[in-house]
N, C-alpha and C. Protein backbone atom coordinates (compact mmCIF):
# COMPACT_ATOMS: atom_id res chain seq x y z
N MET A 1 -84.75 9.04 -68.83
CA MET A 1 -84.58 8.74 -67.43
C MET A 1 -83.78 7.46 -67.31
N SER A 2 -82.81 7.45 -66.42
CA SER A 2 -81.99 6.26 -66.24
C SER A 2 -82.62 5.32 -65.21
N ILE A 3 -82.29 4.07 -65.34
CA ILE A 3 -82.80 3.06 -64.42
C ILE A 3 -81.76 2.88 -63.32
N SER A 4 -82.22 2.95 -62.10
CA SER A 4 -81.31 2.73 -60.98
C SER A 4 -81.76 1.53 -60.18
N ARG A 5 -80.81 0.75 -59.73
CA ARG A 5 -81.10 -0.45 -58.96
C ARG A 5 -81.51 -0.10 -57.55
N TYR A 6 -82.45 -0.82 -57.02
CA TYR A 6 -82.90 -0.63 -55.65
C TYR A 6 -81.88 -1.24 -54.71
N ASP A 7 -81.46 -0.47 -53.73
CA ASP A 7 -80.51 -0.94 -52.72
C ASP A 7 -81.19 -0.80 -51.36
N PRO A 8 -81.61 -1.89 -50.76
CA PRO A 8 -82.34 -1.79 -49.50
C PRO A 8 -81.48 -1.27 -48.34
N PHE A 9 -80.15 -1.31 -48.46
CA PHE A 9 -79.27 -0.88 -47.38
C PHE A 9 -78.69 0.52 -47.59
N ARG A 10 -79.09 1.20 -48.65
CA ARG A 10 -78.55 2.52 -48.95
C ARG A 10 -78.80 3.51 -47.81
N ASP A 11 -80.03 3.58 -47.32
CA ASP A 11 -80.34 4.50 -46.23
C ASP A 11 -79.59 4.15 -44.96
N LEU A 12 -79.41 2.86 -44.70
CA LEU A 12 -78.68 2.43 -43.52
C LEU A 12 -77.21 2.84 -43.62
N ARG A 13 -76.60 2.67 -44.80
CA ARG A 13 -75.22 3.09 -44.99
C ARG A 13 -75.07 4.60 -44.85
N THR A 14 -76.04 5.35 -45.36
CA THR A 14 -76.01 6.81 -45.22
C THR A 14 -76.07 7.21 -43.76
N LEU A 15 -76.93 6.57 -43.00
CA LEU A 15 -77.02 6.85 -41.56
C LEU A 15 -75.72 6.50 -40.86
N GLN A 16 -75.12 5.37 -41.21
CA GLN A 16 -73.85 4.97 -40.61
C GLN A 16 -72.75 5.99 -40.94
N ASP A 17 -72.71 6.47 -42.17
CA ASP A 17 -71.72 7.48 -42.55
C ASP A 17 -71.88 8.76 -41.73
N GLU A 18 -73.12 9.18 -41.52
CA GLU A 18 -73.38 10.39 -40.74
C GLU A 18 -72.96 10.22 -39.28
N VAL A 19 -73.26 9.04 -38.71
CA VAL A 19 -72.86 8.78 -37.32
C VAL A 19 -71.35 8.72 -37.22
N ASN A 20 -70.68 8.08 -38.16
CA ASN A 20 -69.21 8.04 -38.15
C ASN A 20 -68.62 9.43 -38.27
N ARG A 21 -69.18 10.26 -39.13
CA ARG A 21 -68.69 11.64 -39.29
C ARG A 21 -68.88 12.43 -38.01
N LEU A 22 -69.99 12.21 -37.33
CA LEU A 22 -70.26 12.91 -36.08
C LEU A 22 -69.24 12.56 -35.02
N PHE A 23 -68.91 11.26 -34.90
CA PHE A 23 -68.01 10.84 -33.83
C PHE A 23 -66.53 10.96 -34.18
N THR A 24 -66.18 11.19 -35.43
CA THR A 24 -64.77 11.43 -35.73
C THR A 24 -64.39 12.87 -35.45
N GLY A 25 -65.35 13.77 -35.34
CA GLY A 25 -65.09 15.15 -34.97
C GLY A 25 -65.13 15.31 -33.47
N ASN A 26 -65.19 16.53 -33.02
CA ASN A 26 -65.27 16.82 -31.60
C ASN A 26 -66.73 16.77 -31.18
N VAL A 27 -67.12 15.72 -30.46
CA VAL A 27 -68.52 15.53 -30.10
C VAL A 27 -69.01 16.65 -29.20
N ALA A 28 -68.22 17.06 -28.23
CA ALA A 28 -68.66 18.12 -27.32
C ALA A 28 -68.92 19.41 -28.08
N ARG A 29 -68.07 19.73 -29.05
CA ARG A 29 -68.26 20.96 -29.81
C ARG A 29 -69.49 20.85 -30.71
N ALA A 30 -69.80 19.66 -31.19
CA ALA A 30 -70.94 19.50 -32.08
C ALA A 30 -72.27 19.72 -31.35
N PHE A 31 -72.31 19.40 -30.06
CA PHE A 31 -73.57 19.50 -29.34
C PHE A 31 -73.74 20.80 -28.57
N ASP A 32 -72.70 21.61 -28.41
CA ASP A 32 -72.88 22.82 -27.62
C ASP A 32 -73.66 23.87 -28.41
N ASP A 33 -74.45 24.63 -27.69
CA ASP A 33 -75.26 25.71 -28.27
C ASP A 33 -76.11 25.24 -29.44
N GLU A 34 -76.60 24.02 -29.38
CA GLU A 34 -77.43 23.46 -30.44
C GLU A 34 -76.73 23.54 -31.79
N GLY A 35 -75.45 23.20 -31.81
CA GLY A 35 -74.65 23.32 -33.01
C GLY A 35 -75.18 22.53 -34.18
N ILE A 36 -75.70 21.34 -33.93
CA ILE A 36 -76.20 20.51 -35.02
C ILE A 36 -77.46 21.14 -35.61
N ALA A 37 -78.34 21.64 -34.77
CA ALA A 37 -79.58 22.23 -35.26
C ALA A 37 -79.31 23.48 -36.10
N ARG A 38 -78.28 24.23 -35.74
CA ARG A 38 -77.95 25.44 -36.48
C ARG A 38 -77.16 25.14 -37.74
N GLY A 39 -76.58 23.95 -37.84
CA GLY A 39 -75.76 23.63 -38.99
C GLY A 39 -74.40 24.30 -38.91
N SER A 40 -73.89 24.50 -37.70
CA SER A 40 -72.61 25.18 -37.55
C SER A 40 -71.48 24.28 -38.05
N TRP A 41 -70.37 24.87 -38.26
CA TRP A 41 -69.21 24.14 -38.78
C TRP A 41 -67.97 24.65 -38.10
N SER A 42 -66.87 23.98 -38.28
CA SER A 42 -65.59 24.39 -37.72
C SER A 42 -64.54 24.33 -38.80
N PRO A 43 -63.80 25.41 -38.97
CA PRO A 43 -62.73 25.36 -39.98
C PRO A 43 -61.61 24.43 -39.52
N ASN A 44 -60.98 23.79 -40.49
CA ASN A 44 -59.84 22.92 -40.20
C ASN A 44 -58.64 23.77 -39.82
N VAL A 45 -57.88 23.31 -38.82
CA VAL A 45 -56.76 24.07 -38.28
C VAL A 45 -55.53 23.17 -38.18
N ASP A 46 -54.38 23.70 -38.57
CA ASP A 46 -53.09 23.05 -38.33
C ASP A 46 -52.31 23.94 -37.37
N ILE A 47 -51.68 23.33 -36.37
CA ILE A 47 -50.83 24.06 -35.43
C ILE A 47 -49.49 23.34 -35.38
N TYR A 48 -48.42 24.09 -35.61
CA TYR A 48 -47.08 23.50 -35.54
C TYR A 48 -46.12 24.53 -34.98
N GLU A 49 -44.94 24.07 -34.61
CA GLU A 49 -43.95 24.98 -34.05
C GLU A 49 -42.58 24.70 -34.63
N ASN A 50 -41.76 25.72 -34.61
CA ASN A 50 -40.35 25.57 -34.93
C ASN A 50 -39.57 26.19 -33.77
N LYS A 51 -38.29 26.41 -33.92
CA LYS A 51 -37.51 26.87 -32.77
C LYS A 51 -37.84 28.31 -32.36
N ASP A 52 -38.41 29.13 -33.25
CA ASP A 52 -38.67 30.53 -32.94
C ASP A 52 -40.13 30.87 -32.69
N GLN A 53 -41.07 30.06 -33.18
CA GLN A 53 -42.47 30.47 -33.11
C GLN A 53 -43.42 29.28 -33.19
N ILE A 54 -44.68 29.55 -32.82
CA ILE A 54 -45.77 28.60 -33.02
C ILE A 54 -46.65 29.19 -34.11
N VAL A 55 -47.08 28.34 -35.05
CA VAL A 55 -47.85 28.80 -36.20
C VAL A 55 -49.20 28.09 -36.20
N LEU A 56 -50.26 28.86 -36.40
CA LEU A 56 -51.62 28.33 -36.53
C LEU A 56 -52.11 28.69 -37.92
N GLU A 57 -52.58 27.69 -38.67
CA GLU A 57 -53.14 27.92 -39.99
C GLU A 57 -54.56 27.38 -40.02
N ALA A 58 -55.51 28.23 -40.40
CA ALA A 58 -56.92 27.84 -40.43
C ALA A 58 -57.47 28.04 -41.84
N GLU A 59 -58.22 27.06 -42.32
CA GLU A 59 -58.86 27.15 -43.63
C GLU A 59 -60.19 27.88 -43.50
N LEU A 60 -60.32 28.99 -44.19
CA LEU A 60 -61.54 29.78 -44.18
C LEU A 60 -61.94 30.09 -45.62
N PRO A 61 -62.26 29.07 -46.42
CA PRO A 61 -62.52 29.30 -47.83
C PRO A 61 -63.79 30.10 -48.07
N GLY A 62 -63.71 31.00 -49.03
CA GLY A 62 -64.87 31.79 -49.42
C GLY A 62 -65.26 32.88 -48.44
N MET A 63 -64.42 33.13 -47.45
CA MET A 63 -64.76 34.15 -46.45
C MET A 63 -63.96 35.42 -46.70
N LYS A 64 -64.56 36.54 -46.31
CA LYS A 64 -63.88 37.83 -46.36
C LYS A 64 -63.26 38.09 -45.00
N ARG A 65 -62.31 38.99 -44.97
CA ARG A 65 -61.62 39.33 -43.73
C ARG A 65 -62.60 39.82 -42.66
N GLU A 66 -63.67 40.45 -43.05
CA GLU A 66 -64.65 41.01 -42.11
C GLU A 66 -65.53 39.93 -41.49
N ASP A 67 -65.49 38.70 -42.02
CA ASP A 67 -66.39 37.64 -41.56
C ASP A 67 -65.87 36.89 -40.34
N PHE A 68 -64.63 37.14 -39.91
CA PHE A 68 -64.10 36.43 -38.75
C PHE A 68 -63.28 37.37 -37.88
N ASP A 69 -63.07 36.94 -36.63
CA ASP A 69 -62.37 37.74 -35.63
C ASP A 69 -61.35 36.84 -34.94
N LEU A 70 -60.18 37.40 -34.65
CA LEU A 70 -59.11 36.65 -34.00
C LEU A 70 -58.68 37.42 -32.76
N SER A 71 -58.56 36.73 -31.62
CA SER A 71 -58.14 37.41 -30.39
C SER A 71 -57.30 36.47 -29.54
N VAL A 72 -56.45 37.07 -28.69
CA VAL A 72 -55.64 36.32 -27.73
C VAL A 72 -55.88 36.95 -26.37
N GLU A 73 -56.33 36.11 -25.41
CA GLU A 73 -56.59 36.61 -24.07
C GLU A 73 -56.31 35.49 -23.08
N ASN A 74 -55.56 35.80 -22.02
CA ASN A 74 -55.22 34.82 -20.98
C ASN A 74 -54.63 33.54 -21.55
N ASN A 75 -53.70 33.69 -22.48
CA ASN A 75 -53.01 32.55 -23.10
C ASN A 75 -53.93 31.63 -23.90
N VAL A 76 -55.05 32.17 -24.38
CA VAL A 76 -55.98 31.40 -25.22
C VAL A 76 -56.21 32.20 -26.50
N ILE A 77 -55.97 31.55 -27.65
CA ILE A 77 -56.22 32.21 -28.93
C ILE A 77 -57.60 31.72 -29.41
N THR A 78 -58.43 32.68 -29.83
CA THR A 78 -59.80 32.38 -30.22
C THR A 78 -60.07 32.90 -31.62
N LEU A 79 -60.62 32.03 -32.46
CA LEU A 79 -61.02 32.38 -33.81
C LEU A 79 -62.52 32.17 -33.89
N ARG A 80 -63.26 33.22 -34.23
CA ARG A 80 -64.72 33.11 -34.34
C ARG A 80 -65.19 33.86 -35.56
N GLY A 81 -66.30 33.43 -36.09
CA GLY A 81 -66.85 34.10 -37.25
C GLY A 81 -68.08 33.39 -37.76
N GLU A 82 -68.47 33.75 -38.99
CA GLU A 82 -69.65 33.14 -39.59
C GLU A 82 -69.49 33.14 -41.10
N ARG A 83 -69.80 32.00 -41.69
CA ARG A 83 -69.80 31.88 -43.15
C ARG A 83 -71.26 31.86 -43.59
N HIS A 84 -71.62 32.83 -44.42
CA HIS A 84 -73.01 33.00 -44.84
C HIS A 84 -73.27 32.26 -46.15
N PHE A 85 -74.47 31.71 -46.26
CA PHE A 85 -74.92 31.11 -47.50
C PHE A 85 -75.52 32.22 -48.36
N GLU A 86 -74.96 32.39 -49.53
CA GLU A 86 -75.43 33.46 -50.41
C GLU A 86 -75.94 32.85 -51.70
N LYS A 87 -77.22 33.04 -51.93
CA LYS A 87 -77.80 32.59 -53.20
C LYS A 87 -77.39 33.58 -54.28
N LYS A 88 -76.94 33.06 -55.39
CA LYS A 88 -76.50 33.94 -56.47
C LYS A 88 -77.67 34.69 -57.09
N GLU A 89 -78.73 33.98 -57.39
CA GLU A 89 -79.92 34.59 -57.99
C GLU A 89 -81.16 33.93 -57.39
N GLU A 90 -82.24 34.64 -57.37
CA GLU A 90 -83.49 34.10 -56.81
C GLU A 90 -84.01 32.92 -57.64
N THR A 91 -83.63 32.86 -58.91
CA THR A 91 -84.12 31.78 -59.76
C THR A 91 -83.31 30.50 -59.60
N ASP A 92 -82.19 30.58 -58.87
CA ASP A 92 -81.37 29.38 -58.66
C ASP A 92 -82.14 28.38 -57.81
N ASN A 93 -82.10 27.13 -58.25
CA ASN A 93 -82.76 26.05 -57.53
C ASN A 93 -81.69 25.03 -57.17
N TYR A 94 -81.22 25.05 -55.93
CA TYR A 94 -80.15 24.16 -55.50
C TYR A 94 -80.69 22.75 -55.32
N HIS A 95 -79.98 21.78 -55.88
CA HIS A 95 -80.35 20.38 -55.73
C HIS A 95 -79.58 19.73 -54.59
N ARG A 96 -78.43 20.29 -54.28
CA ARG A 96 -77.60 19.73 -53.22
C ARG A 96 -76.73 20.84 -52.65
N VAL A 97 -76.65 20.94 -51.34
CA VAL A 97 -75.77 21.89 -50.67
C VAL A 97 -74.96 21.07 -49.66
N GLU A 98 -73.68 20.86 -49.97
CA GLU A 98 -72.82 20.06 -49.11
C GLU A 98 -71.84 20.88 -48.31
N ARG A 99 -71.57 22.09 -48.73
CA ARG A 99 -70.65 22.93 -47.97
C ARG A 99 -71.37 23.43 -46.72
N ALA A 100 -70.63 23.52 -45.63
CA ALA A 100 -71.22 23.92 -44.35
C ALA A 100 -71.22 25.44 -44.22
N TYR A 101 -72.25 25.96 -43.60
CA TYR A 101 -72.39 27.39 -43.35
C TYR A 101 -72.80 27.59 -41.91
N GLY A 102 -72.65 28.81 -41.44
CA GLY A 102 -73.07 29.14 -40.09
C GLY A 102 -71.91 29.70 -39.30
N SER A 103 -72.15 29.85 -38.01
CA SER A 103 -71.13 30.45 -37.15
C SER A 103 -70.18 29.37 -36.64
N PHE A 104 -68.99 29.80 -36.22
CA PHE A 104 -68.00 28.89 -35.68
C PHE A 104 -67.23 29.58 -34.58
N LEU A 105 -66.63 28.78 -33.71
CA LEU A 105 -65.79 29.27 -32.63
C LEU A 105 -64.74 28.20 -32.35
N ARG A 106 -63.48 28.56 -32.48
CA ARG A 106 -62.37 27.65 -32.18
C ARG A 106 -61.46 28.36 -31.19
N SER A 107 -61.10 27.69 -30.10
CA SER A 107 -60.19 28.24 -29.09
C SER A 107 -59.10 27.22 -28.80
N PHE A 108 -57.87 27.73 -28.62
CA PHE A 108 -56.73 26.87 -28.33
C PHE A 108 -55.91 27.51 -27.22
N THR A 109 -55.52 26.71 -26.24
CA THR A 109 -54.68 27.19 -25.16
C THR A 109 -53.23 27.20 -25.62
N LEU A 110 -52.58 28.31 -25.42
CA LEU A 110 -51.19 28.46 -25.83
C LEU A 110 -50.26 28.04 -24.70
N PRO A 111 -49.10 27.46 -25.03
CA PRO A 111 -48.14 27.13 -23.97
C PRO A 111 -47.55 28.41 -23.38
N ASN A 112 -47.01 28.28 -22.16
CA ASN A 112 -46.43 29.45 -21.49
C ASN A 112 -45.20 29.99 -22.21
N SER A 113 -44.61 29.20 -23.07
CA SER A 113 -43.41 29.64 -23.79
C SER A 113 -43.72 30.60 -24.93
N VAL A 114 -45.01 30.87 -25.19
CA VAL A 114 -45.41 31.73 -26.30
C VAL A 114 -45.78 33.11 -25.79
N SER A 115 -45.39 34.12 -26.54
CA SER A 115 -45.73 35.50 -26.21
C SER A 115 -46.77 36.02 -27.19
N ALA A 116 -47.86 36.59 -26.66
CA ALA A 116 -48.90 37.16 -27.53
C ALA A 116 -48.43 38.46 -28.15
N GLU A 117 -47.48 39.11 -27.49
CA GLU A 117 -46.93 40.34 -28.05
C GLU A 117 -46.03 39.96 -29.23
N GLY A 118 -46.18 40.67 -30.29
CA GLY A 118 -45.41 40.36 -31.48
C GLY A 118 -46.09 39.35 -32.39
N ALA A 119 -47.31 38.97 -32.06
CA ALA A 119 -48.05 38.03 -32.91
C ALA A 119 -48.41 38.72 -34.22
N ALA A 120 -48.43 37.95 -35.29
CA ALA A 120 -48.77 38.49 -36.61
C ALA A 120 -49.74 37.53 -37.29
N ALA A 121 -50.67 38.09 -38.06
CA ALA A 121 -51.65 37.28 -38.78
C ALA A 121 -51.71 37.73 -40.23
N ASP A 122 -51.86 36.77 -41.13
CA ASP A 122 -51.93 37.04 -42.56
C ASP A 122 -53.04 36.18 -43.15
N TYR A 123 -53.89 36.77 -43.99
CA TYR A 123 -55.01 36.04 -44.60
C TYR A 123 -54.89 36.14 -46.11
N ARG A 124 -54.61 34.98 -46.74
CA ARG A 124 -54.46 34.93 -48.20
C ARG A 124 -55.05 33.63 -48.72
N ASN A 125 -55.75 33.73 -49.85
CA ASN A 125 -56.30 32.57 -50.55
C ASN A 125 -57.11 31.65 -49.64
N GLY A 126 -57.88 32.25 -48.71
CA GLY A 126 -58.74 31.47 -47.85
C GLY A 126 -58.05 30.78 -46.70
N VAL A 127 -56.78 31.10 -46.44
CA VAL A 127 -56.04 30.51 -45.33
C VAL A 127 -55.54 31.61 -44.41
N LEU A 128 -55.91 31.51 -43.13
CA LEU A 128 -55.43 32.44 -42.11
C LEU A 128 -54.19 31.83 -41.48
N ARG A 129 -53.10 32.60 -41.44
CA ARG A 129 -51.84 32.11 -40.86
C ARG A 129 -51.45 33.06 -39.73
N VAL A 130 -51.39 32.54 -38.51
CA VAL A 130 -51.05 33.32 -37.32
C VAL A 130 -49.72 32.81 -36.80
N THR A 131 -48.75 33.72 -36.60
CA THR A 131 -47.47 33.34 -36.03
C THR A 131 -47.33 34.00 -34.67
N LEU A 132 -46.96 33.20 -33.69
CA LEU A 132 -46.80 33.66 -32.31
C LEU A 132 -45.36 33.37 -31.89
N PRO A 133 -44.57 34.41 -31.61
CA PRO A 133 -43.17 34.18 -31.25
C PRO A 133 -43.03 33.55 -29.86
N LYS A 134 -41.98 32.75 -29.71
CA LYS A 134 -41.69 32.15 -28.41
C LYS A 134 -40.93 33.17 -27.57
N ARG A 135 -41.08 33.07 -26.26
CA ARG A 135 -40.35 33.95 -25.34
C ARG A 135 -38.87 33.55 -25.32
N ALA A 136 -38.04 34.52 -25.02
CA ALA A 136 -36.61 34.24 -24.93
C ALA A 136 -36.37 33.33 -23.73
N GLU A 137 -35.70 32.24 -23.94
CA GLU A 137 -35.42 31.29 -22.87
C GLU A 137 -34.29 31.83 -22.00
N THR A 138 -34.28 31.42 -20.78
CA THR A 138 -33.20 31.84 -19.89
C THR A 138 -31.91 31.15 -20.30
N LYS A 139 -30.82 31.81 -20.11
CA LYS A 139 -29.51 31.28 -20.48
C LYS A 139 -29.09 30.19 -19.49
N ALA A 140 -28.33 29.22 -19.98
CA ALA A 140 -27.80 28.18 -19.11
C ALA A 140 -26.82 28.79 -18.13
N ARG A 141 -26.80 28.28 -16.92
CA ARG A 141 -25.88 28.81 -15.92
C ARG A 141 -25.36 27.68 -15.04
N ARG A 142 -24.27 27.93 -14.39
CA ARG A 142 -23.68 26.93 -13.49
C ARG A 142 -24.03 27.30 -12.06
N ILE A 143 -24.34 26.25 -11.27
CA ILE A 143 -24.69 26.44 -9.87
C ILE A 143 -23.73 25.61 -9.04
N GLU A 144 -23.08 26.24 -8.09
CA GLU A 144 -22.14 25.56 -7.20
C GLU A 144 -22.93 24.95 -6.05
N VAL A 145 -22.78 23.63 -5.84
CA VAL A 145 -23.44 22.93 -4.75
C VAL A 145 -22.39 22.59 -3.72
N LYS A 146 -22.59 23.07 -2.49
CA LYS A 146 -21.62 22.83 -1.43
C LYS A 146 -22.18 21.84 -0.44
N GLY A 147 -21.32 21.02 0.11
CA GLY A 147 -21.74 20.03 1.09
C GLY A 147 -20.56 19.53 1.87
N GLU A 148 -20.72 18.39 2.53
CA GLU A 148 -19.65 17.82 3.32
C GLU A 148 -18.51 17.33 2.45
N GLU A 149 -18.83 16.78 1.30
CA GLU A 149 -17.80 16.33 0.37
C GLU A 149 -17.32 17.51 -0.44
N SER A 150 -16.48 17.23 -1.40
CA SER A 150 -16.02 18.31 -2.27
C SER A 150 -17.20 18.85 -3.06
N GLY A 151 -17.15 20.12 -3.41
CA GLY A 151 -18.25 20.78 -4.12
C GLY A 151 -18.45 20.21 -5.52
N LYS A 152 -19.68 20.22 -5.97
CA LYS A 152 -20.02 19.78 -7.32
C LYS A 152 -20.66 20.94 -8.04
N THR A 153 -20.45 20.98 -9.34
CA THR A 153 -21.07 22.01 -10.17
C THR A 153 -22.17 21.36 -10.99
N ILE A 154 -23.33 21.98 -11.00
CA ILE A 154 -24.46 21.50 -11.79
C ILE A 154 -24.70 22.49 -12.91
N GLU A 155 -24.78 21.97 -14.11
CA GLU A 155 -25.04 22.83 -15.25
C GLU A 155 -26.52 22.75 -15.59
N ALA A 156 -27.19 23.90 -15.61
CA ALA A 156 -28.62 23.95 -15.93
C ALA A 156 -28.78 24.42 -17.36
N ARG A 157 -29.58 23.71 -18.13
CA ARG A 157 -29.83 24.09 -19.52
C ARG A 157 -31.30 24.42 -19.68
N ALA A 158 -31.56 25.54 -20.30
CA ALA A 158 -32.93 26.01 -20.46
C ALA A 158 -33.73 25.15 -21.42
N GLU A 159 -33.09 24.68 -22.51
CA GLU A 159 -33.86 23.97 -23.52
C GLU A 159 -34.28 22.58 -23.08
N SER A 160 -33.49 21.91 -22.24
CA SER A 160 -33.87 20.56 -21.86
C SER A 160 -34.40 20.52 -20.42
N SER A 161 -34.15 21.53 -19.65
CA SER A 161 -34.57 21.66 -18.25
C SER A 161 -34.16 20.46 -17.40
N LYS A 162 -33.07 19.81 -17.79
CA LYS A 162 -32.52 18.71 -16.99
C LYS A 162 -31.17 19.14 -16.45
N ALA A 163 -30.85 18.72 -15.26
CA ALA A 163 -29.56 19.08 -14.68
C ALA A 163 -28.58 17.93 -14.91
N ALA A 164 -27.39 18.28 -15.32
CA ALA A 164 -26.34 17.28 -15.54
C ALA A 164 -25.24 17.54 -14.52
N ALA A 165 -24.91 16.57 -13.69
CA ALA A 165 -23.88 16.75 -12.68
C ALA A 165 -22.52 16.67 -13.34
N LYS A 166 -21.62 17.58 -12.93
CA LYS A 166 -20.25 17.61 -13.45
C LYS A 166 -19.28 17.44 -12.34
């Protein structure tokens, strides 16, 4: 047996770490539906865009395709599911369980420039990748403005949505 030094502040530091972890996440999500009591968790998500699409990538390690559901409704994409704790054998005696288990629900509002039609999802190596194509932007056009002075032409550009007087 090894000798360990007594640290009177160890429990206090552990409590501080737990409080810090609680407040660095989404506090509202942690408290809804008794989330803390259930031990629920939320998968990490990256969302980025390029000129053609918006991409959502969610980490779902150790999950099967049947364990989660993905839907888009009213410009909101929702990922929900549950990661189950599975004991390998009845004789296993766990000393520490740090990975989170339980149900989860993540919802994200999509911008109006995204079309749910043509969306594609791929699940490989514990990462779900959803691509949502952007809608075709309107073409730039010229608008003739008439008034008391000589007419001016305004060029409208879809990508910047700013008018430049010519």
